[in-house]
Amino acid sequence: LEPLRKQLTSPPLSAWKSFKLLKLHELTVRGDAPAAFDMPGEHDAKLSFKGKVDSDRKTRLRLTLEMLDGRAKLLSTTFVLDDGGTVLQAGTKHEGALVVLGITCRLQS
């Protein structure tokens, strides 16, 4: 969790007293084929690469995150982040706690 320390200790997440790493996934996402991973609470998730976004300053990546409970979609969101950047997604509950996903993405060279 050390790479996320600054984000986890800043509002609004600083309201929580502790964090615990439940799982660590390393995914390779190619083309439009989503990379699947499991989440706490027996939910499934998929991450899809939707391409690069033109920017004068840096390479930015567009991705779609979906969370599923069986066939029901709990979440479907598209976001853009810097190559090598991290986005946090929170909201799913598990065992009385809030699950925070930290997603860091890099283009392969």
C-alpha atoms as a PDB file:
ATOM      1  CA  LEU A   1       0.000   0.000   0.000  1.00  0.00           C
ATOM      2  CA  GLU A   2       3.032   2.295   0.268  1.00  0.00           C
ATOM      3  CA  PRO A   3       2.693   3.641  -3.323  1.00  0.00           C
ATOM      4  CA  LEU A   4      -0.854   4.786  -2.426  1.00  0.00           C
ATOM      5  CA  ARG A   5       0.015   6.328   0.953  1.00  0.00           C
ATOM      6  CA  LYS A   6      -0.438   9.951  -0.172  1.00  0.00           C
ATOM      7  CA  GLN A   7      -3.866   9.266  -1.684  1.00  0.00           C
ATOM      8  CA  LEU A   8      -5.060   7.101   1.207  1.00  0.00           C
ATOM      9  CA  THR A   9      -4.062   9.677   3.835  1.00  0.00           C
ATOM     10  CA  SER A  10      -5.731  12.629   2.051  1.00  0.00           C
ATOM     11  CA  PRO A  11      -9.419  13.559   2.236  1.00  0.00           C
ATOM     12  CA  PRO A  12     -11.859  11.953   1.786  1.00  0.00           C
ATOM     13  CA  LEU A  13     -10.041   8.662   2.498  1.00  0.00           C
ATOM     14  CA  SER A  14      -8.211  10.096   5.517  1.00  0.00           C
ATOM     15  CA  ALA A  15     -11.486   9.647   7.449  1.00  0.00           C
ATOM     16  CA  TRP A  16     -10.689   5.915   7.710  1.00  0.00           C
ATOM     17  CA  LYS A  17      -8.315   4.697  10.420  1.00  0.00           C
ATOM     18  CA  SER A  18      -6.719   1.765   8.588  1.00  0.00           C
ATOM     19  CA  PHE A  19      -6.300   0.035   5.249  1.00  0.00           C
ATOM     20  CA  LYS A  20      -5.465  -3.567   4.443  1.00  0.00           C
ATOM     21  CA  LEU A  21      -4.267  -5.035   1.148  1.00  0.00           C
ATOM     22  CA  LEU A  22      -6.691  -7.826   0.235  1.00  0.00           C
ATOM     23  CA  LYS A  23      -5.388  -8.768  -3.213  1.00  0.00           C
ATOM     24  CA  LEU A  24      -2.857  -7.649  -5.762  1.00  0.00           C
ATOM     25  CA  HIS A  25      -3.493  -8.293  -9.454  1.00  0.00           C
ATOM     26  CA  GLU A  26      -1.165  -7.675 -12.364  1.00  0.00           C
ATOM     27  CA  LEU A  27      -3.075  -7.613 -15.643  1.00  0.00           C
ATOM     28  CA  THR A  28      -2.144  -7.227 -19.273  1.00  0.00           C
ATOM     29  CA  VAL A  29      -4.932  -5.644 -21.289  1.00  0.00           C
ATOM     30  CA  ARG A  30      -4.656  -6.005 -25.068  1.00  0.00           C
ATOM     31  CA  GLY A  31      -6.938  -4.384 -27.593  1.00  0.00           C
ATOM     32  CA  ASP A  32     -10.623  -4.474 -26.796  1.00  0.00           C
ATOM     33  CA  ALA A  33     -10.439  -7.816 -24.971  1.00  0.00           C
ATOM     34  CA  PRO A  34     -11.102  -7.116 -21.288  1.00  0.00           C
ATOM     35  CA  ALA A  35      -8.820  -8.503 -18.595  1.00  0.00           C
ATOM     36  CA  ALA A  36     -10.888 -10.152 -15.849  1.00  0.00           C
ATOM     37  CA  PHE A  37     -10.066 -10.256 -12.145  1.00  0.00           C
ATOM     38  CA  ASP A  38     -11.910 -11.262  -8.993  1.00  0.00           C
ATOM     39  CA  MET A  39     -12.833  -8.898  -6.199  1.00  0.00           C
ATOM     40  CA  PRO A  40     -13.641  -9.408  -2.529  1.00  0.00           C
ATOM     41  CA  GLY A  41     -17.198 -10.523  -1.918  1.00  0.00           C
ATOM     42  CA  GLU A  42     -17.161 -12.936  -4.844  1.00  0.00           C
ATOM     43  CA  HIS A  43     -17.667 -10.177  -7.393  1.00  0.00           C
ATOM     44  CA  ASP A  44     -15.930 -10.145 -10.739  1.00  0.00           C
ATOM     45  CA  ALA A  45     -14.417  -7.188 -12.545  1.00  0.00           C
ATOM     46  CA  LYS A  46     -13.149  -6.415 -16.025  1.00  0.00           C
ATOM     47  CA  LEU A  47     -10.722  -3.762 -17.206  1.00  0.00           C
ATOM     48  CA  SER A  48     -10.651  -2.796 -20.898  1.00  0.00           C
ATOM     49  CA  PHE A  49      -8.198  -0.551 -22.744  1.00  0.00           C
ATOM     50  CA  LYS A  50     -10.041   1.873 -25.023  1.00  0.00           C
ATOM     51  CA  GLY A  51      -7.025   3.593 -26.561  1.00  0.00           C
ATOM     52  CA  LYS A  52      -4.756   6.557 -26.078  1.00  0.00           C
ATOM     53  CA  VAL A  53      -6.049  10.092 -25.728  1.00  0.00           C
ATOM     54  CA  ASP A  54      -4.308  12.873 -27.624  1.00  0.00           C
ATOM     55  CA  SER A  55      -2.576  15.357 -25.361  1.00  0.00           C
ATOM     56  CA  ASP A  56       0.184  17.872 -26.062  1.00  0.00           C
ATOM     57  CA  ARG A  57       1.925  17.173 -22.771  1.00  0.00           C
ATOM     58  CA  LYS A  58       1.702  13.461 -21.911  1.00  0.00           C
ATOM     59  CA  THR A  59       0.351  10.130 -22.976  1.00  0.00           C
ATOM     60  CA  ARG A  60      -3.072   9.504 -21.480  1.00  0.00           C
ATOM     61  CA  LEU A  61      -4.971   6.217 -21.461  1.00  0.00           C
ATOM     62  CA  ARG A  62      -8.730   5.602 -21.682  1.00  0.00           C
ATOM     63  CA  LEU A  63      -9.997   2.516 -19.829  1.00  0.00           C
ATOM     64  CA  THR A  64     -13.333   1.024 -18.876  1.00  0.00           C
ATOM     65  CA  LEU A  65     -13.889  -0.694 -15.523  1.00  0.00           C
ATOM     66  CA  GLU A  66     -16.886  -2.974 -14.979  1.00  0.00           C
ATOM     67  CA  MET A  67     -17.854  -4.725 -11.751  1.00  0.00           C
ATOM     68  CA  LEU A  68     -20.273  -7.608 -11.860  1.00  0.00           C
ATOM     69  CA  ASP A  69     -22.375  -9.585  -9.413  1.00  0.00           C
ATOM     70  CA  GLY A  70     -23.154 -12.603 -11.549  1.00  0.00           C
ATOM     71  CA  ARG A  71     -24.666 -11.101 -14.689  1.00  0.00           C
ATOM     72  CA  ALA A  72     -25.763  -7.875 -12.980  1.00  0.00           C
ATOM     73  CA  LYS A  73     -23.522  -4.835 -13.518  1.00  0.00           C
ATOM     74  CA  LEU A  74     -22.678  -3.087 -10.260  1.00  0.00           C
ATOM     75  CA  LEU A  75     -20.518  -0.492 -12.027  1.00  0.00           C
ATOM     76  CA  SER A  76     -19.532   0.493 -15.532  1.00  0.00           C
ATOM     77  CA  THR A  77     -17.297   3.530 -15.851  1.00  0.00           C
ATOM     78  CA  THR A  78     -14.812   4.896 -18.352  1.00  0.00           C
ATOM     79  CA  PHE A  79     -11.910   7.023 -17.157  1.00  0.00           C
ATOM     80  CA  VAL A  80      -8.748   8.645 -18.470  1.00  0.00           C
ATOM     81  CA  LEU A  81      -5.441   8.725 -16.620  1.00  0.00           C
ATOM     82  CA  ASP A  82      -1.815   9.555 -17.344  1.00  0.00           C
ATOM     83  CA  ASP A  83       0.421   6.730 -18.528  1.00  0.00           C
ATOM     84  CA  GLY A  84       1.833   5.382 -15.247  1.00  0.00           C
ATOM     85  CA  GLY A  85      -0.850   7.164 -13.214  1.00  0.00           C
ATOM     86  CA  THR A  86      -3.185   5.727 -10.595  1.00  0.00           C
ATOM     87  CA  VAL A  87      -6.927   6.104 -10.132  1.00  0.00           C
ATOM     88  CA  LEU A  88      -8.844   5.022  -7.003  1.00  0.00           C
ATOM     89  CA  GLN A  89     -12.357   3.606  -7.154  1.00  0.00           C
ATOM     90  CA  ALA A  90     -14.319   3.073  -3.946  1.00  0.00           C
ATOM     91  CA  GLY A  91     -17.857   2.137  -3.061  1.00  0.00           C
ATOM     92  CA  THR A  92     -18.172  -1.647  -2.970  1.00  0.00           C
ATOM     93  CA  LYS A  93     -18.641  -3.030   0.540  1.00  0.00           C
ATOM     94  CA  HIS A  94     -17.058  -6.195   1.901  1.00  0.00           C
ATOM     95  CA  GLU A  95     -17.235  -7.580   5.452  1.00  0.00           C
ATOM     96  CA  GLY A  96     -18.396  -4.257   6.884  1.00  0.00           C
ATOM     97  CA  ALA A  97     -15.653  -2.268   5.175  1.00  0.00           C
ATOM     98  CA  LEU A  98     -15.265  -0.220   2.014  1.00  0.00           C
ATOM     99  CA  VAL A  99     -13.264  -1.716  -0.870  1.00  0.00           C
ATOM    100  CA  VAL A 100     -10.895   0.746  -2.554  1.00  0.00           C
ATOM    101  CA  LEU A 101      -9.428  -0.325  -5.889  1.00  0.00           C
ATOM    102  CA  GLY A 102      -6.150   1.296  -6.864  1.00  0.00           C
ATOM    103  CA  ILE A 103      -5.624   0.974 -10.613  1.00  0.00           C
ATOM    104  CA  THR A 104      -2.227   1.917 -12.043  1.00  0.00           C
ATOM    105  CA  CYS A 105      -1.774   1.638 -15.814  1.00  0.00           C
ATOM    106  CA  ARG A 106       1.297   1.767 -18.058  1.00  0.00           C
ATOM    107  CA  LEU A 107       1.700   1.265 -21.791  1.00  0.00           C
ATOM    108  CA  GLN A 108       4.041  -1.600 -22.552  1.00  0.00           C
ATOM    109  CA  SER A 109       7.147  -0.573 -24.413  1.00  0.00           C
END
